[in-house]
C-alpha atoms as a PDB file:
ATOM      1  CA  MET A   1     -16.126  -2.792  -0.156  1.00  0.00           C
ATOM      2  CA  ALA A   2     -13.515  -5.040   1.416  1.00  0.00           C
ATOM      3  CA  ARG A   3     -10.027  -3.732   0.727  1.00  0.00           C
ATOM      4  CA  ARG A   4      -6.823  -5.728   0.337  1.00  0.00           C
ATOM      5  CA  ASP A   5      -8.668  -9.060   0.282  1.00  0.00           C
ATOM      6  CA  ARG A   6      -6.127 -11.734  -0.705  1.00  0.00           C
ATOM      7  CA  ALA A   7      -7.070 -15.368  -0.154  1.00  0.00           C
ATOM      8  CA  ALA A   8      -3.619 -16.715  -1.018  1.00  0.00           C
ATOM      9  CA  PHE A   9      -1.711 -15.009   1.792  1.00  0.00           C
ATOM     10  CA  GLU A  10      -3.152 -13.497   4.932  1.00  0.00           C
ATOM     11  CA  HIS A  11      -1.446 -10.834   7.011  1.00  0.00           C
ATOM     12  CA  ALA A  12      -2.460 -11.753  10.550  1.00  0.00           C
ATOM     13  CA  PHE A  13      -0.820 -10.680  13.802  1.00  0.00           C
ATOM     14  CA  GLU A  14      -1.840 -13.297  16.379  1.00  0.00           C
ATOM     15  CA  GLY A  15      -0.673 -11.464  19.463  1.00  0.00           C
ATOM     16  CA  LYS A  16       2.514 -10.962  21.442  1.00  0.00           C
ATOM     17  CA  ALA A  17       2.600 -14.447  22.974  1.00  0.00           C
ATOM     18  CA  VAL A  18       2.397 -16.196  19.589  1.00  0.00           C
ATOM     19  CA  LEU A  19       4.908 -13.942  17.865  1.00  0.00           C
ATOM     20  CA  ASP A  20       7.325 -14.054  20.801  1.00  0.00           C
ATOM     21  CA  GLY A  21       7.238 -17.846  20.604  1.00  0.00           C
ATOM     22  CA  LEU A  22       7.829 -17.892  16.869  1.00  0.00           C
ATOM     23  CA  LEU A  23      10.685 -15.427  17.144  1.00  0.00           C
ATOM     24  CA  GLU A  24      12.248 -17.526  19.894  1.00  0.00           C
ATOM     25  CA  LEU A  25      11.935 -20.682  17.787  1.00  0.00           C
ATOM     26  CA  ALA A  26      13.532 -18.834  14.897  1.00  0.00           C
ATOM     27  CA  GLY A  27      16.470 -17.798  17.078  1.00  0.00           C
ATOM     28  CA  ALA A  28      15.691 -14.122  16.609  1.00  0.00           C
ATOM     29  CA  ARG A  29      17.487 -11.586  18.776  1.00  0.00           C
ATOM     30  CA  VAL A  30      14.354  -9.483  19.312  1.00  0.00           C
ATOM     31  CA  ASP A  31      10.918 -10.054  20.772  1.00  0.00           C
ATOM     32  CA  THR A  32       7.653  -8.492  19.615  1.00  0.00           C
ATOM     33  CA  GLU A  33       8.478  -5.060  21.053  1.00  0.00           C
ATOM     34  CA  GLY A  34      11.890  -5.131  19.403  1.00  0.00           C
ATOM     35  CA  ALA A  35      10.334  -6.128  16.091  1.00  0.00           C
ATOM     36  CA  ILE A  36       7.894  -3.216  16.361  1.00  0.00           C
ATOM     37  CA  VAL A  37      10.753  -0.762  16.903  1.00  0.00           C
ATOM     38  CA  ARG A  38      12.666  -2.100  13.888  1.00  0.00           C
ATOM     39  CA  MET A  39       9.584  -2.202  11.684  1.00  0.00           C
ATOM     40  CA  ARG A  40       8.748   1.398  12.521  1.00  0.00           C
ATOM     41  CA  GLU A  41      12.247   2.455  11.586  1.00  0.00           C
ATOM     42  CA  ALA A  42      12.036   0.399   8.374  1.00  0.00           C
ATOM     43  CA  LEU A  43       8.760   2.116   7.469  1.00  0.00           C
ATOM     44  CA  ARG A  44      10.354   5.487   8.037  1.00  0.00           C
ATOM     45  CA  GLN A  45      13.346   4.504   5.877  1.00  0.00           C
ATOM     46  CA  ARG A  46      11.092   2.748   3.320  1.00  0.00           C
ATOM     47  CA  GLU A  47      12.804  -0.603   3.727  1.00  0.00           C
ATOM     48  CA  PRO A  48      13.554  -3.407   3.103  1.00  0.00           C
ATOM     49  CA  ARG A  49      15.073  -2.882  -0.313  1.00  0.00           C
ATOM     50  CA  PHE A  50      15.652  -6.093  -2.253  1.00  0.00           C
ATOM     51  CA  PRO A  51      17.946  -5.951  -5.309  1.00  0.00           C
ATOM     52  CA  ASP A  52      15.206  -7.572  -7.348  1.00  0.00           C
ATOM     53  CA  PRO A  53      11.536  -8.474  -6.653  1.00  0.00           C
ATOM     54  CA  GLU A  54      12.360 -12.069  -7.563  1.00  0.00           C
ATOM     55  CA  ILE A  55      14.765 -12.269  -4.611  1.00  0.00           C
ATOM     56  CA  ALA A  56      12.036 -11.177  -2.206  1.00  0.00           C
ATOM     57  CA  ARG A  57       9.550 -13.618  -3.708  1.00  0.00           C
ATOM     58  CA  ARG A  58      11.960 -16.578  -3.466  1.00  0.00           C
ATOM     59  CA  LEU A  59      12.999 -15.683   0.084  1.00  0.00           C
ATOM     60  CA  PHE A  60       9.440 -15.752   1.404  1.00  0.00           C
ATOM     61  CA  GLN A  61       8.594 -18.790  -0.736  1.00  0.00           C
ATOM     62  CA  ASN A  62      11.437 -20.703   0.878  1.00  0.00           C
ATOM     63  CA  LEU A  63      10.559 -19.585   4.398  1.00  0.00           C
ATOM     64  CA  LEU A  64       6.898 -20.515   3.975  1.00  0.00           C
ATOM     65  CA  GLY A  65       7.823 -23.810   2.342  1.00  0.00           C
ATOM     66  CA  LEU A  66      10.096 -24.632   5.274  1.00  0.00           C
ATOM     67  CA  TRP A  67       7.292 -23.753   7.669  1.00  0.00           C
ATOM     68  CA  ASP A  68       4.932 -26.131   5.832  1.00  0.00           C
ATOM     69  CA  LEU A  69       7.424 -28.992   6.208  1.00  0.00           C
ATOM     70  CA  LEU A  70       7.765 -28.324   9.912  1.00  0.00           C
ATOM     71  CA  GLU A  71       4.019 -28.075  10.365  1.00  0.00           C
ATOM     72  CA  ARG A  72       3.483 -31.455   8.666  1.00  0.00           C
ATOM     73  CA  GLY A  73       6.252 -33.059  10.717  1.00  0.00           C
ATOM     74  CA  GLN A  74       8.196 -34.039   7.597  1.00  0.00           C
ATOM     75  CA  PRO A  75      11.981 -34.452   7.580  1.00  0.00           C
ATOM     76  CA  ILE A  76      13.912 -31.386   6.494  1.00  0.00           C
ATOM     77  CA  PRO A  77      16.183 -32.196   3.520  1.00  0.00           C
ATOM     78  CA  LEU A  78      18.926 -29.621   3.995  1.00  0.00           C
ATOM     79  CA  ASP A  79      21.024 -30.713   1.008  1.00  0.00           C
ATOM     80  CA  HIS A  80      18.316 -30.929  -1.621  1.00  0.00           C
ATOM     81  CA  PRO A  81      14.717 -29.782  -2.031  1.00  0.00           C
ATOM     82  CA  PRO A  82      11.964 -32.168  -0.897  1.00  0.00           C
ATOM     83  CA  GLU A  83      10.080 -34.203  -3.448  1.00  0.00           C
ATOM     84  CA  LEU A  84       6.550 -32.958  -3.241  1.00  0.00           C
ATOM     85  CA  PRO A  85       3.631 -34.256  -5.248  1.00  0.00           C
ATOM     86  CA  THR A  86       2.908 -32.044  -8.165  1.00  0.00           C
ATOM     87  CA  ARG A  87      -0.525 -30.560  -8.401  1.00  0.00           C
ATOM     88  CA  PRO A  88      -2.073 -28.225 -10.926  1.00  0.00           C
ATOM     89  CA  ARG A  89      -1.806 -24.602  -9.927  1.00  0.00           C
ATOM     90  CA  ALA A  90      -5.064 -22.716  -9.940  1.00  0.00           C
ATOM     91  CA  ARG A  91      -4.830 -19.740 -12.215  1.00  0.00           C
ATOM     92  CA  ARG A  92      -6.503 -16.537 -11.209  1.00  0.00           C
ATOM     93  CA  PRO A  93      -7.998 -14.596 -14.072  1.00  0.00           C
ATOM     94  CA  ILE A  94      -5.914 -11.567 -14.969  1.00  0.00           C
ATOM     95  CA  LEU A  95      -7.815  -8.483 -13.910  1.00  0.00           C
ATOM     96  CA  GLU A  96      -7.975  -5.909 -16.675  1.00  0.00           C
ATOM     97  CA  ARG A  97      -6.809  -2.366 -16.101  1.00  0.00           C
ATOM     98  CA  PRO A  98      -9.844  -0.129 -15.574  1.00  0.00           C
ATOM     99  CA  PRO A  99     -10.710   2.194 -18.453  1.00  0.00           C
ATOM    100  CA  PRO A 100     -10.396   5.989 -18.067  1.00  0.00           C
ATOM    101  CA  PHE A 101     -13.062   7.887 -16.178  1.00  0.00           C
ATOM    102  CA  GLU A 102     -16.322   8.473 -17.957  1.00  0.00           C
ATOM    103  CA  GLY A 103     -16.543  12.246 -17.823  1.00  0.00           C
ATOM    104  CA  GLU A 104     -14.491  14.430 -15.523  1.00  0.00           C
ATOM    105  CA  ALA A 105     -14.564  12.260 -12.395  1.00  0.00           C
ATOM    106  CA  PRO A 106     -14.954   8.612 -11.357  1.00  0.00           C
ATOM    107  CA  ASP A 107     -17.992   7.105  -9.695  1.00  0.00           C
ATOM    108  CA  ASP A 108     -18.042   4.543  -6.887  1.00  0.00           C
ATOM    109  CA  ALA A 109     -18.135   1.616  -9.314  1.00  0.00           C
ATOM    110  CA  TRP A 110     -14.989   2.837 -11.096  1.00  0.00           C
ATOM    111  CA  VAL A 111     -13.126   3.333  -7.809  1.00  0.00           C
ATOM    112  CA  GLU A 112     -14.045  -0.189  -6.714  1.00  0.00           C
ATOM    113  CA  ALA A 113     -12.763  -1.596 -10.020  1.00  0.00           C
ATOM    114  CA  ALA A 114      -9.560   0.437  -9.646  1.00  0.00           C
ATOM    115  CA  TRP A 115      -8.708  -0.776  -6.130  1.00  0.00           C
ATOM    116  CA  ARG A 116      -9.419  -4.361  -7.179  1.00  0.00           C
ATOM    117  CA  TYR A 117      -6.996  -3.898 -10.056  1.00  0.00           C
ATOM    118  CA  LEU A 118      -4.339  -2.476  -7.727  1.00  0.00           C
ATOM    119  CA  ASP A 119      -4.839  -5.405  -5.374  1.00  0.00           C
ATOM    120  CA  GLU A 120      -4.429  -7.992  -8.142  1.00  0.00           C
ATOM    121  CA  ALA A 121      -2.087  -6.183 -10.549  1.00  0.00           C
ATOM    122  CA  PRO A 122       1.306  -7.679 -11.461  1.00  0.00           C
ATOM    123  CA  GLU A 123       4.063  -6.649  -9.084  1.00  0.00           C
ATOM    124  CA  ARG A 124       5.889  -4.751 -11.796  1.00  0.00           C
ATOM    125  CA  GLU A 125       2.824  -2.578 -12.422  1.00  0.00           C
ATOM    126  CA  VAL A 126       2.374  -1.775  -8.733  1.00  0.00           C
ATOM    127  CA  THR A 127       6.104  -1.027  -8.466  1.00  0.00           C
ATOM    128  CA  ARG A 128       5.874   1.316 -11.449  1.00  0.00           C
ATOM    129  CA  LEU A 129       3.003   3.203  -9.817  1.00  0.00           C
ATOM    130  CA  GLU A 130       4.865   3.355  -6.493  1.00  0.00           C
ATOM    131  CA  HIS A 131       7.950   4.784  -8.170  1.00  0.00           C
ATOM    132  CA  ALA A 132       5.839   7.351 -10.029  1.00  0.00           C
ATOM    133  CA  PHE A 133       4.312   8.460  -6.743  1.00  0.00           C
ATOM    134  CA  GLU A 134       7.584   8.617  -4.799  1.00  0.00           C
ATOM    135  CA  ASN A 135       9.594  10.293  -7.565  1.00  0.00           C
ATOM    136  CA  ARG A 136       6.981  12.744  -8.796  1.00  0.00           C
ATOM    137  CA  GLN A 137       5.363  13.679  -5.498  1.00  0.00           C
ATOM    138  CA  ASP A 138       8.487  14.347  -3.472  1.00  0.00           C
ATOM    139  CA  ALA A 139       7.073  17.682  -2.291  1.00  0.00           C
ATOM    140  CA  LEU A 140       3.923  15.997  -1.005  1.00  0.00           C
ATOM    141  CA  LEU A 141       5.875  13.327   0.873  1.00  0.00           C
ATOM    142  CA  GLY A 142       8.173  15.977   2.291  1.00  0.00           C
ATOM    143  CA  PHE A 143       5.173  17.989   3.419  1.00  0.00           C
ATOM    144  CA  LEU A 144       3.718  14.965   5.216  1.00  0.00           C
ATOM    145  CA  ASP A 145       7.022  14.343   6.961  1.00  0.00           C
ATOM    146  CA  GLU A 146       7.316  17.983   8.025  1.00  0.00           C
ATOM    147  CA  GLN A 147       4.006  17.775   9.856  1.00  0.00           C
ATOM    148  CA  GLY A 148       5.749  15.572  12.404  1.00  0.00           C
ATOM    149  CA  PRO A 149       3.161  12.779  12.620  1.00  0.00           C
ATOM    150  CA  GLU A 150       3.807   9.528  14.402  1.00  0.00           C
ATOM    151  CA  ASP A 151       5.058   6.647  12.265  1.00  0.00           C
ATOM    152  CA  GLU A 152       1.611   5.018  12.137  1.00  0.00           C
ATOM    153  CA  VAL A 153      -0.022   8.287  11.072  1.00  0.00           C
ATOM    154  CA  PHE A 154       2.618   9.040   8.446  1.00  0.00           C
ATOM    155  CA  GLY A 155       2.544   5.505   7.067  1.00  0.00           C
ATOM    156  CA  LEU A 156      -1.236   5.331   6.788  1.00  0.00           C
ATOM    157  CA  ALA A 157      -1.544   8.777   5.207  1.00  0.00           C
ATOM    158  CA  GLN A 158       1.195   7.921   2.706  1.00  0.00           C
ATOM    159  CA  GLN A 159      -0.417   4.585   1.806  1.00  0.00           C
ATOM    160  CA  ILE A 160      -3.867   6.081   1.222  1.00  0.00           C
ATOM    161  CA  LEU A 161      -2.436   8.918  -0.864  1.00  0.00           C
ATOM    162  CA  PHE A 162      -0.386   6.466  -2.923  1.00  0.00           C
ATOM    163  CA  GLU A 163      -3.536   4.480  -3.711  1.00  0.00           C
ATOM    164  CA  LEU A 164      -5.416   7.653  -4.679  1.00  0.00           C
ATOM    165  CA  HIS A 165      -2.477   8.844  -6.797  1.00  0.00           C
ATOM    166  CA  ALA A 166      -2.365   5.467  -8.566  1.00  0.00           C
ATOM    167  CA  MET A 167      -6.110   5.559  -9.236  1.00  0.00           C
ATOM    168  CA  ILE A 168      -5.914   9.029 -10.771  1.00  0.00           C
ATOM    169  CA  GLU A 169      -3.009   7.868 -12.938  1.00  0.00           C
ATOM    170  CA  LEU A 170      -5.072   4.864 -14.062  1.00  0.00           C
ATOM    171  CA  GLY A 171      -8.198   6.832 -14.854  1.00  0.00           C
ATOM    172  CA  TRP A 172      -6.800  10.084 -16.240  1.00  0.00           C
ATOM    173  CA  PRO A 173      -4.704   9.354 -19.365  1.00  0.00           C
ATOM    174  CA  PRO A 174      -2.702  12.628 -19.333  1.00  0.00           C
ATOM    175  CA  GLY A 175      -1.533  11.721 -15.848  1.00  0.00           C
ATOM    176  CA  LEU A 176      -0.420  13.906 -12.968  1.00  0.00           C
ATOM    177  CA  ARG A 177       2.279  16.514 -12.707  1.00  0.00           C
ATOM    178  CA  SER A 178       4.274  17.115  -9.548  1.00  0.00           C
ATOM    179  CA  VAL A 179       2.519  18.947  -6.740  1.00  0.00           C
ATOM    180  CA  ALA A 180       4.356  22.100  -5.694  1.00  0.00           C
ATOM    181  CA  GLY A 181       4.848  22.970  -2.053  1.00  0.00           C
ATOM    182  CA  LEU A 182       2.854  26.184  -2.398  1.00  0.00           C
ATOM    183  CA  GLU A 183      -0.106  24.245  -3.784  1.00  0.00           C
ATOM    184  CA  LEU A 184      -0.297  22.209  -0.604  1.00  0.00           C
ATOM    185  CA  GLN A 185      -0.896  25.396   1.351  1.00  0.00           C
ATOM    186  CA  GLU A 186      -3.696  26.403  -1.025  1.00  0.00           C
ATOM    187  CA  ALA A 187      -5.110  22.945  -1.756  1.00  0.00           C
ATOM    188  CA  GLY A 188      -8.543  23.701  -0.321  1.00  0.00           C
ATOM    189  CA  SER A 189      -9.158  26.633  -2.656  1.00  0.00           C
ATOM    190  CA  GLY A 190      -9.413  24.632  -5.895  1.00  0.00           C
ATOM    191  CA  GLN A 191     -11.966  22.250  -7.350  1.00  0.00           C
ATOM    192  CA  PRO A 192     -13.043  19.732  -4.715  1.00  0.00           C
ATOM    193  CA  PRO A 193     -11.954  16.137  -5.407  1.00  0.00           C
ATOM    194  CA  PRO A 194     -14.529  13.554  -6.516  1.00  0.00           C
ATOM    195  CA  ALA A 195     -16.855  12.219  -3.845  1.00  0.00           C
ATOM    196  CA  ALA A 196     -15.925   8.631  -4.805  1.00  0.00           C
ATOM    197  CA  PHE A 197     -12.265   9.264  -3.938  1.00  0.00           C
ATOM    198  CA  GLN A 198     -13.230  10.960  -0.699  1.00  0.00           C
ATOM    199  CA  ALA A 199     -15.435   8.001   0.209  1.00  0.00           C
ATOM    200  CA  TYR A 200     -12.550   5.609  -0.490  1.00  0.00           C
ATOM    201  CA  ALA A 201     -10.248   7.546   1.826  1.00  0.00           C
ATOM    202  CA  ASP A 202     -12.916   7.728   4.542  1.00  0.00           C
ATOM    203  CA  GLU A 203     -13.470   3.969   4.343  1.00  0.00           C
ATOM    204  CA  ALA A 204      -9.747   3.296   4.650  1.00  0.00           C
ATOM    205  CA  LEU A 205      -9.723   5.366   7.833  1.00  0.00           C
ATOM    206  CA  PHE A 206     -12.801   3.610   9.170  1.00  0.00           C
ATOM    207  CA  GLU A 207     -11.131   0.220   8.672  1.00  0.00           C
ATOM    208  CA  ALA A 208      -8.021   1.454  10.489  1.00  0.00           C
ATOM    209  CA  GLU A 209     -10.203   2.627  13.375  1.00  0.00           C
ATOM    210  CA  GLN A 210     -11.878  -0.788  13.575  1.00  0.00           C
ATOM    211  CA  ASP A 211      -8.668  -2.824  13.424  1.00  0.00           C
ATOM    212  CA  GLU A 212      -8.883  -5.551  16.074  1.00  0.00           C
ATOM    213  CA  ASP A 213      -5.192  -5.579  17.011  1.00  0.00           C
ATOM    214  CA  ALA A 214      -4.142  -1.922  16.783  1.00  0.00           C
ATOM    215  CA  PRO A 215      -7.130   0.370  16.217  1.00  0.00           C
ATOM    216  CA  LEU A 216      -6.372   3.908  15.124  1.00  0.00           C
ATOM    217  CA  SER A 217      -7.258   6.345  17.874  1.00  0.00           C
ATOM    218  CA  PRO A 218      -9.822   9.118  17.200  1.00  0.00           C
ATOM    219  CA  ALA A 219      -7.086  11.745  17.522  1.00  0.00           C
ATOM    220  CA  ASP A 220      -4.776   9.986  15.056  1.00  0.00           C
ATOM    221  CA  SER A 221      -7.686   9.328  12.713  1.00  0.00           C
ATOM    222  CA  ALA A 222      -8.456  13.045  12.641  1.00  0.00           C
ATOM    223  CA  ARG A 223      -4.799  13.816  11.852  1.00  0.00           C
ATOM    224  CA  VAL A 224      -4.674  11.272   9.025  1.00  0.00           C
ATOM    225  CA  LYS A 225      -7.970  12.551   7.627  1.00  0.00           C
ATOM    226  CA  ALA A 226      -6.701  16.134   7.552  1.00  0.00           C
ATOM    227  CA  LEU A 227      -3.463  15.125   5.806  1.00  0.00           C
ATOM    228  CA  VAL A 228      -5.205  12.857   3.298  1.00  0.00           C
ATOM    229  CA  ASN A 229      -7.868  15.458   2.472  1.00  0.00           C
ATOM    230  CA  LEU A 230      -5.186  18.056   1.855  1.00  0.00           C
ATOM    231  CA  GLY A 231      -3.107  15.688  -0.251  1.00  0.00           C
ATOM    232  CA  LEU A 232      -6.072  14.443  -2.257  1.00  0.00           C
ATOM    233  CA  ALA A 233      -7.172  17.995  -3.075  1.00  0.00           C
ATOM    234  CA  ALA A 234      -3.634  18.832  -4.237  1.00  0.00           C
ATOM    235  CA  LEU A 235      -3.351  15.672  -6.340  1.00  0.00           C
ATOM    236  CA  TRP A 236      -6.722  16.222  -7.989  1.00  0.00           C
ATOM    237  CA  SER A 237      -5.695  19.776  -8.880  1.00  0.00           C
ATOM    238  CA  ALA A 238      -2.432  18.453 -10.330  1.00  0.00           C
ATOM    239  CA  ARG A 239      -4.094  16.585 -13.203  1.00  0.00           C
ATOM    240  CA  ARG A 240      -2.612  17.520 -16.513  1.00  0.00           C
ATOM    241  CA  PRO A 241      -5.001  18.994 -19.080  1.00  0.00           C
ATOM    242  CA  GLN A 242      -6.533  16.450 -21.432  1.00  0.00           C
ATOM    243  CA  LYS A 243      -4.507  17.782 -24.341  1.00  0.00           C
ATOM    244  CA  GLU A 244      -1.235  17.435 -22.425  1.00  0.00           C
ATOM    245  CA  SER A 245       0.551  14.123 -21.846  1.00  0.00           C
ATOM    246  CA  GLY A 246       4.222  15.017 -22.107  1.00  0.00           C
ATOM    247  CA  THR A 247       6.855  15.698 -19.514  1.00  0.00           C
ATOM    248  CA  ASP A 248       6.348  16.649 -15.902  1.00  0.00           C
ATOM    249  CA  GLY A 249       5.165  20.153 -15.204  1.00  0.00           C
END
């Protein structure tokens, strides 16, 4: 399954020479290496933080709109927005939230439907799931940080575990309680997590290993796999009983 497939906006690093040129044209004070240093620090600090998602959306809309004008060689109206021909906006069908698991665990088809939903879900829904993960699983995030992984390792492990946490929340109506620190040390002794979740995590690692620009090294891949497997086992064991759907435990 292809993950994070968005036709409307493509994340594509075109190499140091291209980015250095763009940064120079933009009057930036850093080159590619400087941007990497700042991005790594931002990832560690979980930034940037916009006061409202609408601010972030409008900022990037304006920047991309300005880029389009430059690319077409059109004059730049600094005092008022350009008059562009109106055209109907194609509407993507709203992807429905996947139903709960059938039985005690999801299958591959359910996991595929869940990641597609996460990829297409409204920003407010993704933000809600991110906040649930960060606020409820503070012990898990602290544990990852204490292992001392490199920024790339920490970031990838955190992202995969967020996606797995969100999927469990989507498919298990009672939800998840917080994982305790002691549970992380004993995570391998409980019920093994579903094979479909394990396959999802393994595929995410495989894609990171095959990345054309910055492939994950075998050593880092092994570190991420160990952290993700431990975290997934702890999260799966942290499901609330079916009869329970109240406050955090």
